[in-house]
């Protein structure tokens, strides 16, 4: 179940994402965060493709992952993605990755809005409102 500012994405750990011990490699977590962020934007009615069609990129400016417990092959995980802080040119998304209620990892990505020439750009008011800054 999702709210406008929180999305839950199921993630099943694939064999190719694990090491010889069946543990998910740490490099997969940011990829999973991207899946959750894309789902959240879609749920808000603002898919990334539309943002780009309007002339903006949401470039990654920072990434943090805190690993707590291992995710393992074939486990079904739940990734909770939320909109964090939103400002005129920047935004933050937060993440919680769980398996059967147990917290495996938390994370945060920070993004800066740019135009197509990669210059920082102010987000349109309707985009800021959808992300939670306008109301």
N, C-alpha and C. Protein backbone atom coordinates (compact mmCIF):
# COMPACT_ATOMS: atom_id res chain seq x y z
N UNK A 1 0.85 -1.18 0.00
CA UNK A 1 0.00 0.00 0.00
C UNK A 1 0.89 1.24 0.00
N UNK A 2 0.56 2.22 -0.83
CA UNK A 2 1.38 3.41 -0.98
C UNK A 2 0.59 4.66 -0.62
N UNK A 3 1.30 5.66 -0.16
CA UNK A 3 0.72 6.98 0.03
C UNK A 3 1.38 7.87 -1.01
N UNK A 4 0.92 9.11 -1.19
CA UNK A 4 1.53 9.96 -2.21
C UNK A 4 3.02 10.20 -2.00
N UNK A 5 3.51 10.10 -0.79
CA UNK A 5 4.91 10.42 -0.53
C UNK A 5 5.70 9.21 -0.04
N UNK A 6 5.14 8.02 -0.21
CA UNK A 6 5.82 6.80 0.17
C UNK A 6 5.40 5.70 -0.80
N UNK A 7 6.37 4.97 -1.29
CA UNK A 7 6.08 3.85 -2.19
C UNK A 7 6.79 2.62 -1.66
N UNK A 8 6.09 1.49 -1.74
CA UNK A 8 6.68 0.20 -1.35
C UNK A 8 6.90 -0.61 -2.62
N UNK A 9 8.14 -1.01 -2.83
CA UNK A 9 8.52 -1.75 -4.03
C UNK A 9 9.03 -3.12 -3.63
N UNK A 10 8.44 -4.19 -4.18
CA UNK A 10 9.01 -5.52 -3.90
C UNK A 10 10.28 -5.72 -4.74
N UNK A 11 11.30 -6.27 -4.12
CA UNK A 11 12.56 -6.58 -4.78
C UNK A 11 12.89 -8.03 -4.45
N UNK A 12 13.05 -8.87 -5.46
CA UNK A 12 13.50 -10.24 -5.22
C UNK A 12 14.97 -10.31 -5.59
N UNK A 13 15.80 -10.77 -4.66
CA UNK A 13 17.25 -10.84 -4.89
C UNK A 13 17.53 -11.92 -5.93
N UNK A 14 18.10 -11.50 -7.06
CA UNK A 14 18.42 -12.42 -8.14
C UNK A 14 19.79 -13.06 -7.92
N UNK A 15 19.97 -14.24 -8.48
CA UNK A 15 21.22 -14.98 -8.33
C UNK A 15 22.41 -14.15 -8.79
N UNK A 16 22.26 -13.44 -9.91
CA UNK A 16 23.35 -12.63 -10.46
C UNK A 16 23.75 -11.48 -9.54
N UNK A 17 22.91 -11.14 -8.57
CA UNK A 17 23.20 -10.04 -7.65
C UNK A 17 23.95 -10.51 -6.40
N UNK A 18 24.27 -11.80 -6.33
CA UNK A 18 24.87 -12.35 -5.11
C UNK A 18 26.30 -12.84 -5.36
N UNK A 19 27.00 -13.06 -4.25
CA UNK A 19 28.34 -13.63 -4.31
C UNK A 19 28.24 -15.15 -4.13
N UNK A 20 29.38 -15.81 -3.98
CA UNK A 20 29.40 -17.27 -3.86
C UNK A 20 28.67 -17.77 -2.62
N UNK A 21 28.47 -16.90 -1.64
CA UNK A 21 27.78 -17.29 -0.40
C UNK A 21 26.28 -16.99 -0.46
N UNK A 22 25.82 -16.48 -1.61
CA UNK A 22 24.41 -16.16 -1.75
C UNK A 22 23.99 -14.84 -1.13
N UNK A 23 24.96 -13.98 -0.81
CA UNK A 23 24.70 -12.67 -0.20
C UNK A 23 24.69 -11.60 -1.29
N UNK A 24 23.68 -10.74 -1.26
CA UNK A 24 23.60 -9.66 -2.24
C UNK A 24 24.81 -8.74 -2.12
N UNK A 25 25.42 -8.43 -3.25
CA UNK A 25 26.57 -7.53 -3.29
C UNK A 25 26.13 -6.11 -2.95
N UNK A 26 26.98 -5.39 -2.23
CA UNK A 26 26.63 -4.05 -1.77
C UNK A 26 26.33 -3.07 -2.91
N UNK A 27 26.88 -3.31 -4.09
CA UNK A 27 26.67 -2.39 -5.22
C UNK A 27 25.24 -2.44 -5.76
N UNK A 28 24.46 -3.45 -5.38
CA UNK A 28 23.08 -3.54 -5.85
C UNK A 28 22.14 -2.57 -5.14
N UNK A 29 22.46 -2.18 -3.94
CA UNK A 29 21.55 -1.34 -3.16
C UNK A 29 21.24 -0.02 -3.85
N UNK A 30 22.23 0.72 -4.38
CA UNK A 30 21.88 1.95 -5.10
C UNK A 30 21.02 1.69 -6.34
N UNK A 31 21.22 0.54 -7.00
CA UNK A 31 20.38 0.19 -8.15
C UNK A 31 18.94 -0.03 -7.68
N UNK A 32 18.78 -0.74 -6.57
CA UNK A 32 17.44 -0.95 -6.02
C UNK A 32 16.82 0.38 -5.60
N UNK A 33 17.62 1.29 -5.06
CA UNK A 33 17.10 2.61 -4.69
C UNK A 33 16.55 3.33 -5.93
N UNK A 34 17.24 3.19 -7.05
CA UNK A 34 16.77 3.82 -8.28
C UNK A 34 15.41 3.25 -8.70
N UNK A 35 15.24 1.94 -8.55
CA UNK A 35 13.95 1.32 -8.86
C UNK A 35 12.86 1.92 -7.98
N UNK A 36 13.12 2.03 -6.68
CA UNK A 36 12.14 2.62 -5.77
C UNK A 36 11.84 4.07 -6.08
N UNK A 37 12.88 4.83 -6.40
CA UNK A 37 12.70 6.25 -6.72
C UNK A 37 11.86 6.40 -7.99
N UNK A 38 12.13 5.58 -8.99
CA UNK A 38 11.34 5.62 -10.23
C UNK A 38 9.89 5.26 -9.95
N UNK A 39 9.67 4.24 -9.12
CA UNK A 39 8.30 3.87 -8.75
C UNK A 39 7.60 5.02 -8.03
N UNK A 40 8.31 5.66 -7.10
CA UNK A 40 7.73 6.78 -6.36
C UNK A 40 7.34 7.91 -7.30
N UNK A 41 8.23 8.27 -8.20
CA UNK A 41 7.93 9.36 -9.14
C UNK A 41 6.73 9.00 -10.01
N UNK A 42 6.65 7.75 -10.45
CA UNK A 42 5.51 7.29 -11.24
C UNK A 42 4.23 7.38 -10.41
N UNK A 43 4.30 6.94 -9.13
CA UNK A 43 3.13 6.99 -8.25
C UNK A 43 2.66 8.43 -8.01
N UNK A 44 3.59 9.36 -8.04
CA UNK A 44 3.23 10.77 -7.86
C UNK A 44 2.64 11.39 -9.13
N UNK A 45 2.66 10.63 -10.23
CA UNK A 45 2.17 11.15 -11.49
C UNK A 45 3.21 11.96 -12.23
N UNK A 46 4.47 11.74 -11.91
CA UNK A 46 5.56 12.50 -12.51
C UNK A 46 6.72 11.56 -12.87
N UNK A 47 6.52 10.68 -13.86
CA UNK A 47 7.60 9.76 -14.22
C UNK A 47 8.84 10.53 -14.69
N UNK A 48 9.99 9.93 -14.47
CA UNK A 48 11.24 10.56 -14.88
C UNK A 48 11.22 10.98 -16.34
N UNK A 49 10.62 10.16 -17.21
CA UNK A 49 10.57 10.51 -18.64
C UNK A 49 9.86 11.84 -18.85
N UNK A 50 8.83 12.12 -18.06
CA UNK A 50 8.11 13.39 -18.18
C UNK A 50 8.97 14.55 -17.68
N UNK A 51 9.68 14.34 -16.58
CA UNK A 51 10.57 15.38 -16.06
C UNK A 51 11.59 15.75 -17.13
N UNK A 52 12.18 14.74 -17.76
CA UNK A 52 13.18 15.00 -18.80
C UNK A 52 12.55 15.64 -20.04
N UNK A 53 11.33 15.22 -20.39
CA UNK A 53 10.65 15.82 -21.54
C UNK A 53 10.36 17.30 -21.30
N UNK A 54 10.22 17.68 -20.03
CA UNK A 54 9.99 19.09 -19.69
C UNK A 54 11.29 19.88 -19.63
N UNK A 55 12.42 19.21 -19.86
CA UNK A 55 13.70 19.92 -19.95
C UNK A 55 14.56 19.87 -18.71
N UNK A 56 14.31 18.92 -17.81
CA UNK A 56 15.06 18.84 -16.56
C UNK A 56 15.70 17.47 -16.39
N UNK A 57 16.84 17.46 -15.74
CA UNK A 57 17.46 16.24 -15.24
C UNK A 57 17.48 16.33 -13.72
N UNK A 58 17.32 15.21 -13.04
CA UNK A 58 17.48 15.16 -11.58
C UNK A 58 18.78 14.40 -11.32
N UNK A 59 19.87 15.12 -11.39
CA UNK A 59 21.19 14.51 -11.30
C UNK A 59 21.53 14.12 -9.87
N UNK A 60 22.12 12.95 -9.73
CA UNK A 60 22.55 12.47 -8.42
C UNK A 60 23.73 13.32 -7.94
N UNK A 61 23.60 13.86 -6.74
CA UNK A 61 24.70 14.65 -6.16
C UNK A 61 25.25 14.02 -4.89
N UNK A 62 24.56 13.02 -4.36
CA UNK A 62 25.05 12.35 -3.16
C UNK A 62 24.31 11.06 -2.93
N UNK A 63 25.02 10.11 -2.31
CA UNK A 63 24.47 8.79 -2.04
C UNK A 63 25.03 8.30 -0.73
N UNK A 64 24.15 7.77 0.12
CA UNK A 64 24.59 7.17 1.37
C UNK A 64 23.80 5.88 1.58
N UNK A 65 24.51 4.82 1.97
CA UNK A 65 23.87 3.55 2.30
C UNK A 65 24.44 3.08 3.63
N UNK A 66 23.57 2.69 4.53
CA UNK A 66 23.97 2.09 5.80
C UNK A 66 23.50 0.63 5.77
N UNK A 67 24.46 -0.28 5.74
CA UNK A 67 24.15 -1.71 5.68
C UNK A 67 24.03 -2.25 7.10
N UNK A 68 22.95 -2.98 7.38
CA UNK A 68 22.73 -3.51 8.72
C UNK A 68 22.76 -5.03 8.75
N UNK A 69 22.11 -5.66 7.80
CA UNK A 69 22.07 -7.13 7.69
C UNK A 69 22.11 -7.50 6.22
N UNK A 70 22.55 -8.69 5.93
CA UNK A 70 22.68 -9.14 4.55
C UNK A 70 21.34 -9.50 3.94
N UNK A 71 21.20 -9.14 2.68
CA UNK A 71 20.10 -9.65 1.86
C UNK A 71 20.65 -10.87 1.13
N UNK A 72 19.82 -11.89 0.97
CA UNK A 72 20.30 -13.17 0.41
C UNK A 72 19.50 -13.57 -0.81
N UNK A 73 20.11 -14.44 -1.59
CA UNK A 73 19.51 -14.93 -2.82
C UNK A 73 18.07 -15.40 -2.61
N UNK A 74 17.20 -14.95 -3.51
CA UNK A 74 15.80 -15.33 -3.61
C UNK A 74 14.90 -14.79 -2.50
N UNK A 75 15.45 -13.98 -1.61
CA UNK A 75 14.59 -13.34 -0.61
C UNK A 75 13.75 -12.27 -1.30
N UNK A 76 12.51 -12.15 -0.84
CA UNK A 76 11.69 -11.05 -1.31
C UNK A 76 11.79 -9.93 -0.30
N UNK A 77 12.31 -8.81 -0.77
CA UNK A 77 12.54 -7.65 0.07
C UNK A 77 11.45 -6.61 -0.21
N UNK A 78 11.29 -5.69 0.72
CA UNK A 78 10.41 -4.55 0.52
C UNK A 78 11.24 -3.29 0.67
N UNK A 79 11.23 -2.49 -0.37
CA UNK A 79 11.93 -1.21 -0.36
C UNK A 79 10.91 -0.10 -0.18
N UNK A 80 11.05 0.66 0.91
CA UNK A 80 10.17 1.81 1.17
C UNK A 80 10.94 3.06 0.76
N UNK A 81 10.37 3.81 -0.16
CA UNK A 81 10.99 5.03 -0.68
C UNK A 81 10.11 6.21 -0.31
N UNK A 82 10.74 7.25 0.22
CA UNK A 82 10.00 8.46 0.62
C UNK A 82 10.68 9.70 0.04
N UNK A 83 9.89 10.73 -0.16
CA UNK A 83 10.43 12.03 -0.50
C UNK A 83 10.92 12.66 0.79
N UNK A 84 12.16 13.12 0.79
CA UNK A 84 12.70 13.83 1.95
C UNK A 84 12.55 15.32 1.72
N UNK A 85 13.61 16.04 1.91
CA UNK A 85 13.60 17.50 1.74
C UNK A 85 13.50 17.86 0.26
N UNK A 86 12.72 18.91 -0.02
CA UNK A 86 12.60 19.43 -1.37
C UNK A 86 12.81 20.93 -1.31
N UNK A 87 13.72 21.40 -2.13
CA UNK A 87 13.97 22.84 -2.26
C UNK A 87 13.83 23.21 -3.72
N UNK A 88 14.02 24.44 -4.06
CA UNK A 88 13.78 24.88 -5.44
C UNK A 88 14.67 24.18 -6.47
N UNK A 89 15.87 23.78 -6.08
CA UNK A 89 16.79 23.14 -7.02
C UNK A 89 17.28 21.77 -6.56
N UNK A 90 16.96 21.36 -5.35
CA UNK A 90 17.47 20.10 -4.83
C UNK A 90 16.37 19.29 -4.16
N UNK A 91 16.61 18.00 -4.06
CA UNK A 91 15.67 17.12 -3.38
C UNK A 91 16.42 15.93 -2.82
N UNK A 92 15.82 15.32 -1.82
CA UNK A 92 16.38 14.14 -1.16
C UNK A 92 15.31 13.06 -1.11
N UNK A 93 15.73 11.83 -1.37
CA UNK A 93 14.87 10.66 -1.21
C UNK A 93 15.50 9.77 -0.15
N UNK A 94 14.66 9.13 0.66
CA UNK A 94 15.15 8.22 1.69
C UNK A 94 14.61 6.82 1.41
N UNK A 95 15.36 5.83 1.91
CA UNK A 95 15.05 4.44 1.61
C UNK A 95 15.21 3.57 2.85
N UNK A 96 14.33 2.57 2.96
CA UNK A 96 14.46 1.51 3.96
C UNK A 96 14.26 0.20 3.23
N UNK A 97 15.20 -0.71 3.37
CA UNK A 97 15.09 -2.02 2.75
C UNK A 97 14.87 -3.05 3.85
N UNK A 98 13.80 -3.84 3.72
CA UNK A 98 13.43 -4.79 4.76
C UNK A 98 13.19 -6.18 4.18
N UNK A 99 13.42 -7.19 5.02
CA UNK A 99 13.03 -8.56 4.71
C UNK A 99 12.21 -9.07 5.87
N UNK A 100 10.96 -9.40 5.58
CA UNK A 100 10.04 -9.88 6.61
C UNK A 100 10.06 -8.99 7.85
N UNK A 101 10.07 -7.69 7.63
CA UNK A 101 10.04 -6.73 8.72
C UNK A 101 11.38 -6.35 9.30
N UNK A 102 12.42 -7.13 9.04
CA UNK A 102 13.76 -6.84 9.56
C UNK A 102 14.45 -5.81 8.67
N UNK A 103 14.96 -4.75 9.28
CA UNK A 103 15.64 -3.70 8.54
C UNK A 103 17.01 -4.19 8.09
N UNK A 104 17.24 -4.20 6.77
CA UNK A 104 18.51 -4.63 6.21
C UNK A 104 19.43 -3.45 5.89
N UNK A 105 18.83 -2.35 5.42
CA UNK A 105 19.64 -1.19 5.04
C UNK A 105 18.77 0.05 5.00
N UNK A 106 19.41 1.18 5.20
CA UNK A 106 18.77 2.47 5.00
C UNK A 106 19.65 3.26 4.04
N UNK A 107 19.07 4.26 3.42
CA UNK A 107 19.86 5.05 2.50
C UNK A 107 19.21 6.37 2.18
N UNK A 108 19.97 7.16 1.46
CA UNK A 108 19.53 8.49 1.05
C UNK A 108 20.22 8.83 -0.25
N UNK A 109 19.46 9.43 -1.17
CA UNK A 109 20.08 10.02 -2.35
C UNK A 109 19.70 11.49 -2.41
N UNK A 110 20.66 12.29 -2.83
CA UNK A 110 20.45 13.72 -3.00
C UNK A 110 20.58 14.04 -4.49
N UNK A 111 19.72 14.92 -4.96
CA UNK A 111 19.66 15.23 -6.39
C UNK A 111 19.60 16.74 -6.59
N UNK A 112 20.16 17.17 -7.71
CA UNK A 112 20.06 18.57 -8.09
C UNK A 112 19.38 18.63 -9.45
N UNK A 113 18.44 19.55 -9.58
CA UNK A 113 17.75 19.74 -10.85
C UNK A 113 18.64 20.58 -11.76
N UNK A 114 18.78 20.11 -13.00
CA UNK A 114 19.53 20.87 -13.99
C UNK A 114 18.69 20.98 -15.26
N UNK A 115 19.09 21.94 -16.10
CA UNK A 115 18.48 21.99 -17.43
C UNK A 115 19.26 21.05 -18.34
N UNK A 116 18.92 21.03 -19.60
CA UNK A 116 19.56 20.09 -20.54
C UNK A 116 21.03 20.42 -20.80
N UNK A 117 21.48 21.61 -20.38
CA UNK A 117 22.91 21.95 -20.51
C UNK A 117 23.65 21.70 -19.20
N UNK A 118 23.00 21.04 -18.26
CA UNK A 118 23.57 20.65 -16.96
C UNK A 118 23.81 21.83 -16.02
N UNK A 119 23.12 22.92 -16.24
CA UNK A 119 23.19 24.05 -15.32
C UNK A 119 22.09 23.89 -14.29
N UNK A 120 22.37 24.20 -13.01
CA UNK A 120 21.31 24.12 -11.99
C UNK A 120 20.09 24.92 -12.43
N UNK A 121 18.92 24.35 -12.20
CA UNK A 121 17.68 24.98 -12.63
C UNK A 121 16.65 24.87 -11.52
N UNK A 122 15.82 25.88 -11.42
CA UNK A 122 14.73 25.88 -10.45
C UNK A 122 13.62 24.96 -10.96
N UNK A 123 13.13 24.10 -10.07
CA UNK A 123 12.03 23.21 -10.44
C UNK A 123 10.74 24.00 -10.60
N UNK A 124 9.90 23.62 -11.54
CA UNK A 124 8.59 24.28 -11.67
C UNK A 124 7.77 24.08 -10.41
N UNK A 125 6.90 25.03 -10.13
CA UNK A 125 6.07 24.98 -8.91
C UNK A 125 5.23 23.70 -8.83
N UNK A 126 4.67 23.25 -9.95
CA UNK A 126 3.83 22.06 -9.91
C UNK A 126 4.65 20.82 -9.55
N UNK A 127 5.91 20.76 -10.00
CA UNK A 127 6.78 19.63 -9.64
C UNK A 127 7.10 19.69 -8.16
N UNK A 128 7.42 20.87 -7.65
CA UNK A 128 7.70 21.01 -6.22
C UNK A 128 6.48 20.63 -5.40
N UNK A 129 5.30 21.00 -5.86
CA UNK A 129 4.07 20.66 -5.13
C UNK A 129 3.87 19.15 -5.10
N UNK A 130 4.09 18.48 -6.23
CA UNK A 130 3.94 17.03 -6.29
C UNK A 130 4.95 16.34 -5.35
N UNK A 131 6.12 16.89 -5.24
CA UNK A 131 7.16 16.30 -4.39
C UNK A 131 6.96 16.67 -2.92
N UNK A 132 5.98 17.52 -2.63
CA UNK A 132 5.65 17.80 -1.25
C UNK A 132 6.09 19.13 -0.71
N UNK A 133 6.71 19.96 -1.55
CA UNK A 133 7.20 21.25 -1.07
C UNK A 133 6.19 22.37 -1.25
N UNK A 134 5.13 22.12 -2.01
CA UNK A 134 4.24 23.22 -2.33
C UNK A 134 2.98 23.28 -1.50
N UNK A 135 2.83 22.33 -0.59
CA UNK A 135 1.58 22.37 0.12
C UNK A 135 1.79 22.10 1.50
